[in-house]
All heavy atoms as atom14 arrays in JSON, in Angstrom:
{
  "sequence": "LFIGDASNVANLYSVYAGPTFARRIGGLDFGAGYRFGYTKVDIDQP",
  "atom14_mask": [
    [1, 1, 1, 1, 1, 1, 1, 1, 0, 0, 0, 0, 0, 0],
    [1, 1, 1, 1, 1, 1, 1, 1, 1, 1, 1, 0, 0, 0],
    [1, 1, 1, 1, 1, 1, 1, 1, 0, 0, 0, 0, 0, 0],
    [1, 1, 1, 1, 0, 0, 0, 0, 0, 0, 0, 0, 0, 0],
    [1, 1, 1, 1, 1, 1, 1, 1, 0, 0, 0, 0, 0, 0],
    [1, 1, 1, 1, 1, 0, 0, 0, 0, 0, 0, 0, 0, 0],
    [1, 1, 1, 1, 1, 1, 0, 0, 0, 0, 0, 0, 0, 0],
    [1, 1, 1, 1, 1, 1, 1, 1, 0, 0, 0, 0, 0, 0],
    [1, 1, 1, 1, 1, 1, 1, 0, 0, 0, 0, 0, 0, 0],
    [1, 1, 1, 1, 1, 0, 0, 0, 0, 0, 0, 0, 0, 0],
    [1, 1, 1, 1, 1, 1, 1, 1, 0, 0, 0, 0, 0, 0],
    [1, 1, 1, 1, 1, 1, 1, 1, 0, 0, 0, 0, 0, 0],
    [1, 1, 1, 1, 1, 1, 1, 1, 1, 1, 1, 1, 0, 0],
    [1, 1, 1, 1, 1, 1, 0, 0, 0, 0, 0, 0, 0, 0],
    [1, 1, 1, 1, 1, 1, 1, 0, 0, 0, 0, 0, 0, 0],
    [1, 1, 1, 1, 1, 1, 1, 1, 1, 1, 1, 1, 0, 0],
    [1, 1, 1, 1, 1, 0, 0, 0, 0, 0, 0, 0, 0, 0],
    [1, 1, 1, 1, 0, 0, 0, 0, 0, 0, 0, 0, 0, 0],
    [1, 1, 1, 1, 1, 1, 1, 0, 0, 0, 0, 0, 0, 0],
    [1, 1, 1, 1, 1, 1, 1, 0, 0, 0, 0, 0, 0, 0],
    [1, 1, 1, 1, 1, 1, 1, 1, 1, 1, 1, 0, 0, 0],
    [1, 1, 1, 1, 1, 0, 0, 0, 0, 0, 0, 0, 0, 0],
    [1, 1, 1, 1, 1, 1, 1, 1, 1, 1, 1, 0, 0, 0],
    [1, 1, 1, 1, 1, 1, 1, 1, 1, 1, 1, 0, 0, 0],
    [1, 1, 1, 1, 1, 1, 1, 1, 0, 0, 0, 0, 0, 0],
    [1, 1, 1, 1, 0, 0, 0, 0, 0, 0, 0, 0, 0, 0],
    [1, 1, 1, 1, 0, 0, 0, 0, 0, 0, 0, 0, 0, 0],
    [1, 1, 1, 1, 1, 1, 1, 1, 0, 0, 0, 0, 0, 0],
    [1, 1, 1, 1, 1, 1, 1, 1, 0, 0, 0, 0, 0, 0],
    [1, 1, 1, 1, 1, 1, 1, 1, 1, 1, 1, 0, 0, 0],
    [1, 1, 1, 1, 0, 0, 0, 0, 0, 0, 0, 0, 0, 0],
    [1, 1, 1, 1, 1, 0, 0, 0, 0, 0, 0, 0, 0, 0],
    [1, 1, 1, 1, 0, 0, 0, 0, 0, 0, 0, 0, 0, 0],
    [1, 1, 1, 1, 1, 1, 1, 1, 1, 1, 1, 1, 0, 0],
    [1, 1, 1, 1, 1, 1, 1, 1, 1, 1, 1, 0, 0, 0],
    [1, 1, 1, 1, 1, 1, 1, 1, 1, 1, 1, 0, 0, 0],
    [1, 1, 1, 1, 0, 0, 0, 0, 0, 0, 0, 0, 0, 0],
    [1, 1, 1, 1, 1, 1, 1, 1, 1, 1, 1, 1, 0, 0],
    [1, 1, 1, 1, 1, 1, 1, 0, 0, 0, 0, 0, 0, 0],
    [1, 1, 1, 1, 1, 1, 1, 1, 1, 0, 0, 0, 0, 0],
    [1, 1, 1, 1, 1, 1, 1, 0, 0, 0, 0, 0, 0, 0],
    [1, 1, 1, 1, 1, 1, 1, 1, 0, 0, 0, 0, 0, 0],
    [1, 1, 1, 1, 1, 1, 1, 1, 0, 0, 0, 0, 0, 0],
    [1, 1, 1, 1, 1, 1, 1, 1, 0, 0, 0, 0, 0, 0],
    [1, 1, 1, 1, 1, 1, 1, 1, 1, 0, 0, 0, 0, 0],
    [1, 1, 1, 1, 1, 1, 1, 0, 0, 0, 0, 0, 0, 0]
  ],
  "atom14_positions": [
    [[-12.77, -5.3, 28.52], [-12.84, -6.6, 27.83], [-14.18, -6.77, 27.09], [-15.16, -6.69, 27.78], [-12.64, -7.79, 28.82], [-11.22, -8.07, 29.29], [-11.2, -9.11, 30.31], [-10.3, -8.39, 28.15], [0.0, 0.0, 0.0], [0.0, 0.0, 0.0], [0.0, 0.0, 0.0], [0.0, 0.0, 0.0], [0.0, 0.0, 0.0], [0.0, 0.0, 0.0]],
    [[-14.1, -6.91, 25.87], [-15.36, -7.1, 25.04], [-15.55, -8.56, 24.74], [-15.47, -9.05, 23.67], [-15.21, -6.29, 23.74], [-14.97, -4.88, 24.02], [-13.81, -4.29, 23.68], [-16.05, -3.97, 24.54], [-13.55, -2.92, 23.94], [-15.81, -2.64, 24.69], [-14.46, -2.06, 24.42], [0.0, 0.0, 0.0], [0.0, 0.0, 0.0], [0.0, 0.0, 0.0]],
    [[-15.76, -9.3, 25.75], [-15.99, -10.66, 25.72], [-17.33, -11.2, 26.33], [-17.9, -10.47, 27.13], [-14.86, -11.48, 26.38], [-14.82, -11.13, 27.87], [-13.54, -11.19, 25.66], [-13.71, -11.99, 28.63], [0.0, 0.0, 0.0], [0.0, 0.0, 0.0], [0.0, 0.0, 0.0], [0.0, 0.0, 0.0], [0.0, 0.0, 0.0], [0.0, 0.0, 0.0]],
    [[-17.76, -12.29, 25.92], [-19.06, -12.89, 26.43], [-20.15, -11.98, 26.27], [-20.4, -11.36, 25.16], [0.0, 0.0, 0.0], [0.0, 0.0, 0.0], [0.0, 0.0, 0.0], [0.0, 0.0, 0.0], [0.0, 0.0, 0.0], [0.0, 0.0, 0.0], [0.0, 0.0, 0.0], [0.0, 0.0, 0.0], [0.0, 0.0, 0.0], [0.0, 0.0, 0.0]],
    [[-21.13, -11.88, 27.14], [-22.35, -11.08, 27.1], [-22.28, -9.79, 27.8], [-23.25, -9.26, 28.4], [-23.54, -11.9, 27.69], [-23.69, -13.29, 27.01], [-23.54, -13.3, 25.82], [-23.99, -14.29, 27.63], [0.0, 0.0, 0.0], [0.0, 0.0, 0.0], [0.0, 0.0, 0.0], [0.0, 0.0, 0.0], [0.0, 0.0, 0.0], [0.0, 0.0, 0.0]],
    [[-21.19, -9.13, 27.84], [-20.96, -7.82, 28.46], [-21.92, -6.85, 27.84], [-22.16, -6.83, 26.61], [-19.52, -7.43, 28.37], [0.0, 0.0, 0.0], [0.0, 0.0, 0.0], [0.0, 0.0, 0.0], [0.0, 0.0, 0.0], [0.0, 0.0, 0.0], [0.0, 0.0, 0.0], [0.0, 0.0, 0.0], [0.0, 0.0, 0.0], [0.0, 0.0, 0.0]],
    [[-22.44, -5.85, 28.64], [-23.28, -4.81, 28.09], [-22.39, -3.74, 27.45], [-21.17, -3.67, 27.73], [-24.15, -4.2, 29.32], [-23.34, -3.56, 30.19], [0.0, 0.0, 0.0], [0.0, 0.0, 0.0], [0.0, 0.0, 0.0], [0.0, 0.0, 0.0], [0.0, 0.0, 0.0], [0.0, 0.0, 0.0], [0.0, 0.0, 0.0], [0.0, 0.0, 0.0]],
    [[-23.08, -2.84, 26.79], [-22.39, -1.71, 26.15], [-21.39, -2.09, 25.23], [-20.27, -1.42, 25.13], [-21.86, -0.7, 27.2], [-21.63, 0.7, 26.68], [-22.26, 1.13, 25.76], [-20.58, 1.36, 27.21], [0.0, 0.0, 0.0], [0.0, 0.0, 0.0], [0.0, 0.0, 0.0], [0.0, 0.0, 0.0], [0.0, 0.0, 0.0], [0.0, 0.0, 0.0]],
    [[-21.65, -3.09, 24.4], [-20.71, -3.56, 23.42], [-21.25, -3.37, 21.99], [-22.48, -3.72, 21.77], [-20.31, -5.02, 23.67], [-19.44, -5.58, 22.53], [-19.71, -5.32, 25.06], [0.0, 0.0, 0.0], [0.0, 0.0, 0.0], [0.0, 0.0, 0.0], [0.0, 0.0, 0.0], [0.0, 0.0, 0.0], [0.0, 0.0, 0.0], [0.0, 0.0, 0.0]],
    [[-20.4, -2.91, 21.15], [-20.83, -2.7, 19.74], [-19.75, -3.24, 18.77], [-18.54, -3.23, 19.09], [-21.01, -1.24, 19.37], [0.0, 0.0, 0.0], [0.0, 0.0, 0.0], [0.0, 0.0, 0.0], [0.0, 0.0, 0.0], [0.0, 0.0, 0.0], [0.0, 0.0, 0.0], [0.0, 0.0, 0.0], [0.0, 0.0, 0.0], [0.0, 0.0, 0.0]],
    [[-20.14, -3.89, 17.68], [-19.26, -4.33, 16.68], [-19.11, -3.17, 15.54], [-20.15, -2.69, 15.12], [-19.74, -5.57, 15.89], [-19.79, -6.71, 16.88], [-18.86, -6.99, 17.58], [-20.95, -7.43, 16.98], [0.0, 0.0, 0.0], [0.0, 0.0, 0.0], [0.0, 0.0, 0.0], [0.0, 0.0, 0.0], [0.0, 0.0, 0.0], [0.0, 0.0, 0.0]],
    [[-17.92, -2.7, 15.4], [-17.7, -1.6, 14.52], [-16.9, -2.02, 13.23], [-15.87, -2.72, 13.45], [-16.89, -0.49, 15.29], [-16.71, 0.79, 14.64], [-16.64, 1.98, 15.62], [-15.36, 0.84, 13.84], [0.0, 0.0, 0.0], [0.0, 0.0, 0.0], [0.0, 0.0, 0.0], [0.0, 0.0, 0.0], [0.0, 0.0, 0.0], [0.0, 0.0, 0.0]],
    [[-17.26, -1.52, 12.1], [-16.61, -1.87, 10.86], [-16.43, -0.52, 10.09], [-17.36, 0.21, 9.95], [-17.41, -2.96, 10.04], [-17.86, -4.1, 10.76], [-19.1, -4.14, 11.37], [-17.0, -5.17, 10.98], [-19.47, -5.29, 12.06], [-17.37, -6.29, 11.68], [-18.65, -6.3, 12.22], [-19.04, -7.44, 12.96], [0.0, 0.0, 0.0], [0.0, 0.0, 0.0]],
    [[-15.21, -0.34, 9.62], [-14.97, 0.9, 8.82], [-13.96, 0.63, 7.71], [-13.0, -0.18, 7.99], [-14.36, 1.98, 9.72], [-14.31, 3.18, 9.08], [0.0, 0.0, 0.0], [0.0, 0.0, 0.0], [0.0, 0.0, 0.0], [0.0, 0.0, 0.0], [0.0, 0.0, 0.0], [0.0, 0.0, 0.0], [0.0, 0.0, 0.0], [0.0, 0.0, 0.0]],
    [[-14.16, 1.22, 6.61], [-13.27, 0.99, 5.38], [-13.1, 2.34, 4.61], [-14.1, 3.18, 4.57], [-13.81, -0.13, 4.48], [-15.13, 0.27, 3.89], [-12.72, -0.41, 3.41], [0.0, 0.0, 0.0], [0.0, 0.0, 0.0], [0.0, 0.0, 0.0], [0.0, 0.0, 0.0], [0.0, 0.0, 0.0], [0.0, 0.0, 0.0], [0.0, 0.0, 0.0]],
    [[-11.94, 2.64, 4.12], [-11.74, 3.77, 3.11], [-10.82, 3.34, 2.03], [-10.07, 2.47, 2.2], [-11.25, 4.98, 3.98], [-9.78, 5.06, 3.8], [-9.1, 5.76, 2.91], [-8.89, 4.44, 4.77], [-7.71, 5.89, 2.87], [-7.55, 4.44, 4.73], [-6.95, 5.17, 3.75], [-5.6, 5.32, 3.63], [0.0, 0.0, 0.0], [0.0, 0.0, 0.0]],
    [[-11.09, 4.04, 0.92], [-10.11, 3.8, -0.17], [-10.23, 5.04, -1.11], [-11.22, 5.72, -1.13], [-10.5, 2.55, -0.89], [0.0, 0.0, 0.0], [0.0, 0.0, 0.0], [0.0, 0.0, 0.0], [0.0, 0.0, 0.0], [0.0, 0.0, 0.0], [0.0, 0.0, 0.0], [0.0, 0.0, 0.0], [0.0, 0.0, 0.0], [0.0, 0.0, 0.0]],
    [[-9.06, 5.22, -1.9], [-9.12, 6.24, -2.91], [-7.73, 6.6, -3.43], [-6.74, 6.16, -2.86], [0.0, 0.0, 0.0], [0.0, 0.0, 0.0], [0.0, 0.0, 0.0], [0.0, 0.0, 0.0], [0.0, 0.0, 0.0], [0.0, 0.0, 0.0], [0.0, 0.0, 0.0], [0.0, 0.0, 0.0], [0.0, 0.0, 0.0], [0.0, 0.0, 0.0]],
    [[-7.61, 7.29, -4.53], [-6.31, 7.68, -5.18], [-5.81, 8.89, -4.6], [-6.54, 9.85, -4.11], [-6.73, 7.74, -6.61], [-8.12, 8.37, -6.6], [-8.73, 7.68, -5.37], [0.0, 0.0, 0.0], [0.0, 0.0, 0.0], [0.0, 0.0, 0.0], [0.0, 0.0, 0.0], [0.0, 0.0, 0.0], [0.0, 0.0, 0.0], [0.0, 0.0, 0.0]],
    [[-4.48, 9.08, -4.6], [-3.8, 10.3, -4.25], [-2.72, 10.6, -5.3], [-2.08, 9.67, -5.8], [-3.17, 10.25, -2.92], [-2.16, 9.26, -2.82], [-4.13, 10.07, -1.78], [0.0, 0.0, 0.0], [0.0, 0.0, 0.0], [0.0, 0.0, 0.0], [0.0, 0.0, 0.0], [0.0, 0.0, 0.0], [0.0, 0.0, 0.0], [0.0, 0.0, 0.0]],
    [[-2.53, 11.85, -5.58], [-1.48, 12.19, -6.63], [-0.74, 13.44, -6.04], [-1.19, 14.32, -5.61], [-2.22, 12.63, -7.88], [-1.27, 13.06, -8.97], [-0.56, 12.23, -9.74], [-1.12, 14.46, -9.26], [0.39, 12.54, -10.74], [-0.18, 14.85, -10.25], [0.52, 13.93, -10.93], [0.0, 0.0, 0.0], [0.0, 0.0, 0.0], [0.0, 0.0, 0.0]],
    [[0.57, 13.25, -6.16], [1.52, 14.36, -5.85], [2.67, 14.27, -6.68], [3.54, 13.3, -6.63], [2.01, 14.23, -4.31], [0.0, 0.0, 0.0], [0.0, 0.0, 0.0], [0.0, 0.0, 0.0], [0.0, 0.0, 0.0], [0.0, 0.0, 0.0], [0.0, 0.0, 0.0], [0.0, 0.0, 0.0], [0.0, 0.0, 0.0], [0.0, 0.0, 0.0]],
    [[2.98, 15.37, -7.5], [4.12, 15.36, -8.43], [4.44, 16.78, -8.76], [3.69, 17.65, -8.88], [3.71, 14.58, -9.71], [4.92, 14.33, -10.53], [4.66, 13.28, -11.73], [5.67, 13.25, -12.6], [5.62, 12.48, -13.71], [4.51, 11.86, -14.0], [6.64, 12.45, -14.54], [0.0, 0.0, 0.0], [0.0, 0.0, 0.0], [0.0, 0.0, 0.0]],
    [[5.81, 16.84, -9.01], [6.32, 18.17, -9.47], [6.52, 18.13, -10.99], [7.19, 17.3, -11.51], [7.68, 18.42, -8.86], [8.3, 19.77, -9.18], [9.51, 20.05, -8.27], [10.28, 21.18, -8.67], [10.0, 22.46, -8.17], [8.91, 22.58, -7.43], [10.71, 23.44, -8.56], [0.0, 0.0, 0.0], [0.0, 0.0, 0.0], [0.0, 0.0, 0.0]],
    [[5.81, 19.07, -11.7], [5.86, 19.06, -13.14], [6.06, 20.52, -13.63], [5.4, 21.48, -13.22], [4.52, 18.65, -13.69], [4.15, 17.23, -13.24], [4.5, 18.69, -15.24], [2.73, 16.7, -13.66], [0.0, 0.0, 0.0], [0.0, 0.0, 0.0], [0.0, 0.0, 0.0], [0.0, 0.0, 0.0], [0.0, 0.0, 0.0], [0.0, 0.0, 0.0]],
    [[7.23, 20.75, -14.31], [7.48, 21.98, -14.93], [7.65, 23.14, -13.86], [7.28, 24.29, -14.11], [0.0, 0.0, 0.0], [0.0, 0.0, 0.0], [0.0, 0.0, 0.0], [0.0, 0.0, 0.0], [0.0, 0.0, 0.0], [0.0, 0.0, 0.0], [0.0, 0.0, 0.0], [0.0, 0.0, 0.0], [0.0, 0.0, 0.0], [0.0, 0.0, 0.0]],
    [[8.29, 22.76, -12.76], [8.47, 23.79, -11.7], [7.29, 23.97, -10.76], [7.44, 24.85, -9.89], [0.0, 0.0, 0.0], [0.0, 0.0, 0.0], [0.0, 0.0, 0.0], [0.0, 0.0, 0.0], [0.0, 0.0, 0.0], [0.0, 0.0, 0.0], [0.0, 0.0, 0.0], [0.0, 0.0, 0.0], [0.0, 0.0, 0.0], [0.0, 0.0, 0.0]],
    [[6.24, 23.31, -10.98], [5.02, 23.47, -10.21], [4.72, 22.17, -9.43], [4.97, 21.14, -9.97], [3.79, 23.87, -11.03], [3.88, 25.22, -11.74], [2.57, 25.41, -12.55], [4.0, 26.37, -10.72], [0.0, 0.0, 0.0], [0.0, 0.0, 0.0], [0.0, 0.0, 0.0], [0.0, 0.0, 0.0], [0.0, 0.0, 0.0], [0.0, 0.0, 0.0]],
    [[4.2, 22.29, -8.25], [3.81, 21.1, -7.52], [2.3, 20.86, -7.56], [1.47, 21.76, -7.14], [4.2, 21.28, -6.01], [5.76, 21.33, -5.83], [6.35, 20.18, -5.89], [6.3, 22.42, -5.65], [0.0, 0.0, 0.0], [0.0, 0.0, 0.0], [0.0, 0.0, 0.0], [0.0, 0.0, 0.0], [0.0, 0.0, 0.0], [0.0, 0.0, 0.0]],
    [[1.96, 19.72, -8.08], [0.54, 19.4, -8.32], [0.13, 18.32, -7.16], [0.89, 17.4, -6.99], [0.25, 18.76, -9.69], [0.41, 19.79, -10.77], [1.66, 19.99, -11.38], [-0.73, 20.5, -11.25], [1.81, 20.93, -12.36], [-0.54, 21.43, -12.28], [0.7, 21.64, -12.85], [0.0, 0.0, 0.0], [0.0, 0.0, 0.0], [0.0, 0.0, 0.0]],
    [[-1.04, 18.46, -6.74], [-1.55, 17.42, -5.72], [-3.09, 17.38, -5.85], [-3.78, 18.3, -6.13], [0.0, 0.0, 0.0], [0.0, 0.0, 0.0], [0.0, 0.0, 0.0], [0.0, 0.0, 0.0], [0.0, 0.0, 0.0], [0.0, 0.0, 0.0], [0.0, 0.0, 0.0], [0.0, 0.0, 0.0], [0.0, 0.0, 0.0], [0.0, 0.0, 0.0]],
    [[-3.54, 16.09, -5.66], [-5.05, 15.95, -5.75], [-5.31, 14.53, -5.08], [-4.39, 13.72, -4.85], [-5.58, 15.95, -7.14], [0.0, 0.0, 0.0], [0.0, 0.0, 0.0], [0.0, 0.0, 0.0], [0.0, 0.0, 0.0], [0.0, 0.0, 0.0], [0.0, 0.0, 0.0], [0.0, 0.0, 0.0], [0.0, 0.0, 0.0], [0.0, 0.0, 0.0]],
    [[-6.56, 14.38, -4.69], [-6.92, 13.06, -4.11], [-8.45, 12.93, -3.96], [-9.14, 13.96, -4.0], [0.0, 0.0, 0.0], [0.0, 0.0, 0.0], [0.0, 0.0, 0.0], [0.0, 0.0, 0.0], [0.0, 0.0, 0.0], [0.0, 0.0, 0.0], [0.0, 0.0, 0.0], [0.0, 0.0, 0.0], [0.0, 0.0, 0.0], [0.0, 0.0, 0.0]],
    [[-8.83, 11.74, -3.66], [-10.25, 11.47, -3.41], [-10.23, 10.29, -2.42], [-9.4, 9.36, -2.48], [-11.0, 11.07, -4.65], [-12.43, 10.44, -4.36], [-13.45, 11.25, -3.94], [-12.58, 9.09, -4.45], [-14.63, 10.61, -3.66], [-13.83, 8.52, -4.06], [-14.82, 9.35, -3.72], [-16.1, 8.67, -3.38], [0.0, 0.0, 0.0], [0.0, 0.0, 0.0]],
    [[-11.21, 10.35, -1.46], [-11.32, 9.27, -0.52], [-12.77, 8.98, -0.22], [-13.6, 9.88, 0.0], [-10.64, 9.69, 0.79], [-10.6, 8.62, 1.88], [-9.81, 9.06, 3.07], [-10.63, 9.96, 3.95], [-10.06, 10.99, 4.67], [-8.67, 11.06, 4.71], [-10.84, 11.73, 5.43], [0.0, 0.0, 0.0], [0.0, 0.0, 0.0], [0.0, 0.0, 0.0]],
    [[-13.11, 7.65, -0.29], [-14.53, 7.25, 0.01], [-14.45, 6.37, 1.28], [-13.52, 5.59, 1.45], [-15.15, 6.31, -1.09], [-16.38, 5.66, -0.62], [-17.57, 6.38, -0.65], [-16.35, 4.33, -0.29], [-18.69, 5.65, -0.19], [-17.47, 3.65, 0.2], [-18.71, 4.33, 0.17], [0.0, 0.0, 0.0], [0.0, 0.0, 0.0], [0.0, 0.0, 0.0]],
    [[-15.3, 6.61, 2.32], [-15.38, 5.92, 3.48], [-16.72, 5.4, 3.77], [-17.71, 6.0, 3.5], [0.0, 0.0, 0.0], [0.0, 0.0, 0.0], [0.0, 0.0, 0.0], [0.0, 0.0, 0.0], [0.0, 0.0, 0.0], [0.0, 0.0, 0.0], [0.0, 0.0, 0.0], [0.0, 0.0, 0.0], [0.0, 0.0, 0.0], [0.0, 0.0, 0.0]],
    [[-16.77, 4.19, 4.49], [-17.98, 3.68, 4.93], [-17.8, 3.07, 6.31], [-16.78, 2.49, 6.65], [-18.53, 2.57, 4.03], [-19.66, 1.75, 4.53], [-20.98, 2.34, 4.5], [-19.56, 0.51, 5.14], [-22.07, 1.64, 4.96], [-20.63, -0.22, 5.64], [-21.91, 0.38, 5.48], [-23.03, -0.32, 6.03], [0.0, 0.0, 0.0], [0.0, 0.0, 0.0]],
    [[-18.71, 3.33, 7.29], [-18.66, 2.83, 8.62], [-19.99, 2.36, 9.08], [-21.06, 2.91, 8.77], [-18.26, 4.05, 9.6], [-17.0, 4.55, 9.2], [-18.18, 3.59, 11.03], [0.0, 0.0, 0.0], [0.0, 0.0, 0.0], [0.0, 0.0, 0.0], [0.0, 0.0, 0.0], [0.0, 0.0, 0.0], [0.0, 0.0, 0.0], [0.0, 0.0, 0.0]],
    [[-19.93, 1.23, 9.79], [-21.16, 0.53, 10.26], [-20.98, 0.03, 11.69], [-19.89, -0.45, 11.98], [-21.43, -0.71, 9.3], [-22.55, -1.55, 9.81], [-23.93, -0.82, 9.86], [-25.01, -1.84, 10.36], [-26.39, -1.12, 10.41], [0.0, 0.0, 0.0], [0.0, 0.0, 0.0], [0.0, 0.0, 0.0], [0.0, 0.0, 0.0], [0.0, 0.0, 0.0]],
    [[-22.0, 0.16, 12.58], [-21.91, -0.3, 13.9], [-23.14, -1.21, 14.14], [-24.26, -0.89, 13.88], [-21.98, 0.91, 14.96], [-22.16, 0.39, 16.34], [-20.69, 1.75, 14.74], [0.0, 0.0, 0.0], [0.0, 0.0, 0.0], [0.0, 0.0, 0.0], [0.0, 0.0, 0.0], [0.0, 0.0, 0.0], [0.0, 0.0, 0.0], [0.0, 0.0, 0.0]],
    [[-22.83, -2.35, 14.66], [-23.93, -3.31, 15.16], [-23.82, -3.45, 16.65], [-22.72, -3.5, 17.27], [-23.73, -4.73, 14.51], [-24.08, -4.73, 13.11], [-24.98, -4.0, 12.63], [-23.4, -5.45, 12.26], [0.0, 0.0, 0.0], [0.0, 0.0, 0.0], [0.0, 0.0, 0.0], [0.0, 0.0, 0.0], [0.0, 0.0, 0.0], [0.0, 0.0, 0.0]],
    [[-25.01, -3.42, 17.23], [-25.09, -3.56, 18.72], [-25.19, -4.92, 19.17], [-26.07, -5.63, 18.85], [-26.18, -2.68, 19.27], [-26.2, -1.28, 18.81], [-26.27, -2.67, 20.79], [-24.94, -0.54, 19.14], [0.0, 0.0, 0.0], [0.0, 0.0, 0.0], [0.0, 0.0, 0.0], [0.0, 0.0, 0.0], [0.0, 0.0, 0.0], [0.0, 0.0, 0.0]],
    [[-24.29, -5.39, 20.04], [-24.37, -6.69, 20.72], [-25.29, -6.57, 21.97], [-26.28, -7.2, 22.05], [-22.99, -7.16, 21.26], [-22.36, -8.1, 20.14], [-22.92, -8.22, 19.06], [-21.3, -8.59, 20.45], [0.0, 0.0, 0.0], [0.0, 0.0, 0.0], [0.0, 0.0, 0.0], [0.0, 0.0, 0.0], [0.0, 0.0, 0.0], [0.0, 0.0, 0.0]],
    [[-24.94, -5.7, 22.88], [-25.7, -5.44, 24.12], [-25.78, -3.96, 24.31], [-24.72, -3.28, 24.52], [-25.01, -6.11, 25.35], [-25.05, -7.67, 25.33], [-26.44, -8.24, 25.57], [-27.34, -7.56, 26.22], [-26.72, -9.41, 25.04], [0.0, 0.0, 0.0], [0.0, 0.0, 0.0], [0.0, 0.0, 0.0], [0.0, 0.0, 0.0], [0.0, 0.0, 0.0]],
    [[-26.99, -3.33, 24.37], [-27.12, -1.91, 24.64], [-26.63, -1.55, 25.97], [-26.49, -2.45, 26.89], [-28.69, -1.7, 24.53], [-29.18, -2.9, 23.77], [-28.35, -3.93, 24.04], [0.0, 0.0, 0.0], [0.0, 0.0, 0.0], [0.0, 0.0, 0.0], [0.0, 0.0, 0.0], [0.0, 0.0, 0.0], [0.0, 0.0, 0.0], [0.0, 0.0, 0.0]]
  ]
}
């Protein structure tokens, strides 16, 4: 339980986003993509 003033608690935030592409063109299968991610941790009680 991460409630109250418990020790060993961290607030964690993470986000990712990006495009992906997958398609069959002229008998060939093309695929590509990109992903950006960001993660942050704040400490409540060490």
